[in-house]
Amino acid sequence: MLKAGEICDDGIAGDFEGCLDDCTGEYPGWHCSGGNQFNPSICLEQCNDGIITTSEDCEDGNVVNGDGCSASCLYEVGWDCTGAIPDVCTPRCGDGI
């Protein structure tokens, strides 16, 4: 349940799971919603927000598949990517794809 002064409360202690340990905000790259007396806040990593979080490979600034960095921020087969933000990917020649 969210109490006075809490922005989120996911019920999880520890770093990088979405909600700060003191419940005053979200870790960069995450978004939390909800939270009431019966349910904790739900915190999800935000793809294409310019921050690479634990389950993301890349950030290319769009939600398009087929350009090397998928809409879920994972590298796609057959592409070479820079690893920078924004990630720039080019088709890999000679891979048979």
N, C-alpha and C. Protein backbone atom coordinates (compact mmCIF):
# COMPACT_ATOMS: atom_id res chain seq x y z
N MET A 1 0.85 -1.18 0.00
CA MET A 1 0.00 0.00 0.00
C MET A 1 0.89 1.23 0.00
N LEU A 2 0.54 2.22 -0.81
CA LEU A 2 1.28 3.47 -0.81
C LEU A 2 0.87 4.29 0.40
N LYS A 3 1.87 4.76 1.12
CA LYS A 3 1.64 5.61 2.27
C LYS A 3 2.07 7.03 1.93
N ALA A 4 1.78 7.97 2.76
CA ALA A 4 2.16 9.36 2.53
C ALA A 4 3.66 9.44 2.24
N GLY A 5 4.01 10.14 1.18
CA GLY A 5 5.41 10.33 0.81
C GLY A 5 5.95 9.26 -0.12
N GLU A 6 5.19 8.19 -0.37
CA GLU A 6 5.66 7.14 -1.28
C GLU A 6 5.18 7.41 -2.70
N ILE A 7 6.10 7.28 -3.65
CA ILE A 7 5.77 7.38 -5.07
C ILE A 7 5.41 6.00 -5.60
N CYS A 8 6.12 4.99 -5.10
CA CYS A 8 5.88 3.60 -5.49
C CYS A 8 6.26 2.70 -4.33
N ASP A 9 5.75 1.47 -4.35
CA ASP A 9 6.12 0.48 -3.35
C ASP A 9 5.90 -0.88 -3.98
N ASP A 10 7.00 -1.47 -4.49
CA ASP A 10 6.88 -2.75 -5.18
C ASP A 10 7.06 -3.94 -4.25
N GLY A 11 7.33 -3.68 -2.98
CA GLY A 11 7.47 -4.76 -2.01
C GLY A 11 8.77 -5.53 -2.13
N ILE A 12 9.73 -5.01 -2.90
CA ILE A 12 11.00 -5.70 -3.12
C ILE A 12 12.13 -4.83 -2.60
N ALA A 13 12.94 -5.36 -1.72
CA ALA A 13 14.13 -4.65 -1.25
C ALA A 13 15.28 -4.98 -2.17
N GLY A 14 16.12 -4.01 -2.44
CA GLY A 14 17.26 -4.24 -3.31
C GLY A 14 17.31 -3.25 -4.45
N ASP A 15 18.41 -3.27 -5.14
CA ASP A 15 18.63 -2.31 -6.20
C ASP A 15 18.11 -2.81 -7.55
N PHE A 16 17.72 -1.85 -8.38
CA PHE A 16 17.42 -2.04 -9.79
C PHE A 16 16.29 -3.01 -10.08
N GLU A 17 15.23 -2.92 -9.30
CA GLU A 17 14.03 -3.70 -9.57
C GLU A 17 12.86 -2.77 -9.88
N GLY A 18 13.13 -1.48 -9.93
CA GLY A 18 12.10 -0.52 -10.31
C GLY A 18 11.96 0.61 -9.32
N CYS A 19 11.53 0.31 -8.12
CA CYS A 19 11.24 1.32 -7.11
C CYS A 19 12.43 1.48 -6.17
N LEU A 20 12.79 2.72 -5.87
CA LEU A 20 13.87 2.97 -4.92
C LEU A 20 13.55 2.33 -3.58
N ASP A 21 14.58 1.95 -2.85
CA ASP A 21 14.36 1.25 -1.57
C ASP A 21 13.57 2.07 -0.56
N ASP A 22 13.64 3.41 -0.67
CA ASP A 22 12.88 4.23 0.27
C ASP A 22 11.51 4.64 -0.28
N CYS A 23 11.15 4.07 -1.45
CA CYS A 23 9.83 4.27 -2.08
C CYS A 23 9.56 5.70 -2.53
N THR A 24 10.61 6.52 -2.65
CA THR A 24 10.41 7.93 -3.02
C THR A 24 10.51 8.17 -4.52
N GLY A 25 10.75 7.14 -5.31
CA GLY A 25 10.84 7.32 -6.75
C GLY A 25 11.27 6.04 -7.44
N GLU A 26 11.51 6.18 -8.75
CA GLU A 26 11.86 5.04 -9.58
C GLU A 26 13.33 5.11 -9.97
N TYR A 27 13.92 3.94 -10.20
CA TYR A 27 15.27 3.90 -10.73
C TYR A 27 15.23 4.41 -12.17
N PRO A 28 16.31 5.06 -12.64
CA PRO A 28 16.35 5.49 -14.04
C PRO A 28 16.13 4.31 -14.98
N GLY A 29 15.28 4.51 -15.98
CA GLY A 29 14.99 3.46 -16.95
C GLY A 29 13.80 2.59 -16.59
N TRP A 30 13.15 2.88 -15.48
CA TRP A 30 11.99 2.11 -15.02
C TRP A 30 10.77 3.01 -14.90
N HIS A 31 9.59 2.41 -14.92
CA HIS A 31 8.34 3.12 -14.66
C HIS A 31 7.47 2.24 -13.78
N CYS A 32 7.00 2.79 -12.68
CA CYS A 32 6.14 2.06 -11.75
C CYS A 32 4.73 2.64 -11.80
N SER A 33 3.76 1.77 -11.65
CA SER A 33 2.37 2.24 -11.61
C SER A 33 1.61 1.46 -10.56
N GLY A 34 0.55 2.07 -10.11
CA GLY A 34 -0.33 1.41 -9.16
C GLY A 34 0.25 1.29 -7.76
N GLY A 35 -0.36 0.46 -7.02
CA GLY A 35 0.01 0.26 -5.63
C GLY A 35 -1.15 0.69 -4.75
N ASN A 36 -1.71 -0.25 -4.03
CA ASN A 36 -2.80 0.07 -3.11
C ASN A 36 -2.72 -0.89 -1.93
N GLN A 37 -3.72 -0.89 -1.11
CA GLN A 37 -3.66 -1.70 0.11
C GLN A 37 -3.64 -3.20 -0.17
N PHE A 38 -4.00 -3.60 -1.39
CA PHE A 38 -4.04 -5.02 -1.71
C PHE A 38 -2.93 -5.47 -2.65
N ASN A 39 -2.35 -4.55 -3.43
CA ASN A 39 -1.37 -4.91 -4.44
C ASN A 39 -0.17 -3.95 -4.41
N PRO A 40 1.03 -4.49 -4.65
CA PRO A 40 2.20 -3.61 -4.74
C PRO A 40 2.23 -2.88 -6.08
N SER A 41 3.08 -1.89 -6.18
CA SER A 41 3.29 -1.21 -7.46
C SER A 41 3.90 -2.20 -8.45
N ILE A 42 3.57 -2.02 -9.71
CA ILE A 42 4.15 -2.82 -10.79
C ILE A 42 5.20 -1.95 -11.47
N CYS A 43 6.45 -2.41 -11.48
CA CYS A 43 7.54 -1.65 -12.07
C CYS A 43 8.10 -2.41 -13.27
N LEU A 44 8.18 -1.72 -14.40
CA LEU A 44 8.67 -2.32 -15.64
C LEU A 44 9.78 -1.47 -16.22
N GLU A 45 10.74 -2.14 -16.86
CA GLU A 45 11.79 -1.42 -17.56
C GLU A 45 11.19 -0.74 -18.78
N GLN A 46 11.66 0.47 -19.07
CA GLN A 46 11.14 1.23 -20.19
C GLN A 46 12.12 1.19 -21.35
N CYS A 47 11.73 0.57 -22.43
CA CYS A 47 12.56 0.49 -23.63
C CYS A 47 12.49 1.83 -24.38
N ASN A 48 13.60 2.20 -24.99
CA ASN A 48 13.73 3.40 -25.81
C ASN A 48 13.52 4.70 -25.02
N ASP A 49 14.06 4.71 -23.82
CA ASP A 49 14.04 5.93 -23.02
C ASP A 49 15.44 6.53 -22.88
N GLY A 50 16.42 5.96 -23.61
CA GLY A 50 17.79 6.46 -23.56
C GLY A 50 18.63 5.88 -22.44
N ILE A 51 18.10 4.89 -21.73
CA ILE A 51 18.82 4.25 -20.63
C ILE A 51 18.77 2.74 -20.85
N ILE A 52 19.93 2.08 -20.87
CA ILE A 52 19.96 0.64 -21.00
C ILE A 52 19.91 0.03 -19.60
N THR A 53 18.85 -0.74 -19.35
CA THR A 53 18.67 -1.39 -18.06
C THR A 53 19.05 -2.87 -18.16
N THR A 54 18.85 -3.62 -17.12
CA THR A 54 19.38 -4.98 -17.00
C THR A 54 18.94 -5.94 -18.09
N SER A 55 17.74 -5.84 -18.59
CA SER A 55 17.27 -6.81 -19.59
C SER A 55 17.35 -6.28 -21.01
N GLU A 56 17.93 -5.10 -21.21
CA GLU A 56 18.02 -4.49 -22.54
C GLU A 56 19.44 -4.63 -23.11
N ASP A 57 19.52 -4.84 -24.42
CA ASP A 57 20.80 -4.86 -25.12
C ASP A 57 21.13 -3.50 -25.73
N CYS A 58 20.09 -2.80 -26.20
CA CYS A 58 20.32 -1.61 -27.01
C CYS A 58 19.20 -0.59 -26.82
N GLU A 59 19.46 0.61 -27.27
CA GLU A 59 18.50 1.72 -27.26
C GLU A 59 18.71 2.49 -28.56
N ASP A 60 17.77 2.38 -29.49
CA ASP A 60 17.92 3.10 -30.76
C ASP A 60 16.91 4.21 -30.95
N GLY A 61 16.08 4.46 -29.95
CA GLY A 61 15.17 5.59 -29.99
C GLY A 61 13.88 5.35 -30.75
N ASN A 62 13.58 4.10 -31.10
CA ASN A 62 12.30 3.84 -31.76
C ASN A 62 11.77 2.48 -31.33
N VAL A 63 10.55 2.19 -31.71
CA VAL A 63 9.93 0.90 -31.37
C VAL A 63 9.66 0.11 -32.65
N VAL A 64 10.67 0.07 -33.53
CA VAL A 64 10.57 -0.61 -34.82
C VAL A 64 11.40 -1.88 -34.79
N ASN A 65 10.81 -2.99 -35.20
CA ASN A 65 11.56 -4.23 -35.38
C ASN A 65 12.20 -4.23 -36.76
N GLY A 66 13.27 -5.01 -36.93
CA GLY A 66 13.89 -5.17 -38.23
C GLY A 66 14.94 -4.13 -38.56
N ASP A 67 15.39 -3.37 -37.55
CA ASP A 67 16.44 -2.38 -37.80
C ASP A 67 17.69 -2.63 -36.95
N GLY A 68 17.79 -3.83 -36.37
CA GLY A 68 18.95 -4.19 -35.58
C GLY A 68 18.70 -4.19 -34.08
N CYS A 69 17.92 -3.23 -33.62
CA CYS A 69 17.54 -3.13 -32.21
C CYS A 69 16.02 -3.23 -32.16
N SER A 70 15.51 -4.32 -31.61
CA SER A 70 14.07 -4.60 -31.65
C SER A 70 13.25 -3.61 -30.82
N ALA A 71 11.95 -3.70 -30.97
CA ALA A 71 11.03 -2.84 -30.21
C ALA A 71 11.11 -3.12 -28.71
N SER A 72 11.68 -4.27 -28.33
CA SER A 72 11.87 -4.58 -26.91
C SER A 72 13.32 -4.39 -26.48
N CYS A 73 14.09 -3.64 -27.28
CA CYS A 73 15.47 -3.25 -26.96
C CYS A 73 16.43 -4.43 -26.86
N LEU A 74 16.27 -5.40 -27.76
CA LEU A 74 17.18 -6.53 -27.86
C LEU A 74 17.83 -6.52 -29.24
N TYR A 75 19.11 -6.94 -29.32
CA TYR A 75 19.78 -7.03 -30.61
C TYR A 75 19.09 -8.07 -31.48
N GLU A 76 19.00 -7.78 -32.78
CA GLU A 76 18.40 -8.70 -33.73
C GLU A 76 19.48 -9.41 -34.52
N VAL A 77 19.22 -10.66 -34.88
CA VAL A 77 20.17 -11.48 -35.64
C VAL A 77 20.40 -10.86 -37.01
N GLY A 78 21.67 -10.85 -37.45
CA GLY A 78 22.01 -10.36 -38.77
C GLY A 78 22.40 -8.90 -38.82
N TRP A 79 22.60 -8.30 -37.66
CA TRP A 79 22.95 -6.88 -37.59
C TRP A 79 24.19 -6.69 -36.72
N ASP A 80 24.95 -5.65 -37.02
CA ASP A 80 26.05 -5.20 -36.17
C ASP A 80 25.66 -3.84 -35.63
N CYS A 81 25.78 -3.65 -34.33
CA CYS A 81 25.35 -2.41 -33.69
C CYS A 81 26.52 -1.77 -32.94
N THR A 82 26.47 -0.46 -32.78
CA THR A 82 27.57 0.30 -32.19
C THR A 82 27.68 0.12 -30.68
N GLY A 83 26.59 -0.14 -30.00
CA GLY A 83 26.60 -0.24 -28.55
C GLY A 83 26.51 1.11 -27.86
N ALA A 84 26.36 2.18 -28.64
CA ALA A 84 26.22 3.52 -28.10
C ALA A 84 24.74 3.85 -27.93
N ILE A 85 24.46 4.98 -27.33
CA ILE A 85 23.08 5.47 -27.23
C ILE A 85 23.01 6.79 -27.98
N PRO A 86 22.24 6.93 -29.04
CA PRO A 86 21.40 5.87 -29.62
C PRO A 86 22.25 4.85 -30.37
N ASP A 87 21.83 3.60 -30.32
CA ASP A 87 22.53 2.51 -31.00
C ASP A 87 22.26 2.62 -32.50
N VAL A 88 23.31 2.53 -33.30
CA VAL A 88 23.18 2.54 -34.75
C VAL A 88 23.55 1.15 -35.24
N CYS A 89 22.64 0.52 -35.97
CA CYS A 89 22.85 -0.85 -36.43
C CYS A 89 22.90 -0.88 -37.96
N THR A 90 23.78 -1.72 -38.49
CA THR A 90 23.89 -1.92 -39.93
C THR A 90 23.78 -3.40 -40.22
N PRO A 91 23.19 -3.75 -41.38
CA PRO A 91 23.08 -5.17 -41.73
C PRO A 91 24.47 -5.81 -41.81
N ARG A 92 24.59 -7.04 -41.31
CA ARG A 92 25.85 -7.78 -41.35
C ARG A 92 25.94 -8.51 -42.69
N CYS A 93 26.96 -8.18 -43.47
CA CYS A 93 27.17 -8.81 -44.76
C CYS A 93 27.88 -10.15 -44.57
N GLY A 94 27.48 -11.16 -45.34
CA GLY A 94 28.16 -12.44 -45.30
C GLY A 94 27.62 -13.41 -44.28
N ASP A 95 26.49 -13.09 -43.64
CA ASP A 95 25.94 -13.99 -42.64
C ASP A 95 24.87 -14.92 -43.20
N GLY A 96 24.59 -14.78 -44.48
CA GLY A 96 23.60 -15.66 -45.11
C GLY A 96 22.16 -15.28 -44.84
N ILE A 97 21.94 -14.15 -44.18
CA ILE A 97 20.57 -13.70 -43.89
C ILE A 97 20.23 -12.55 -44.81
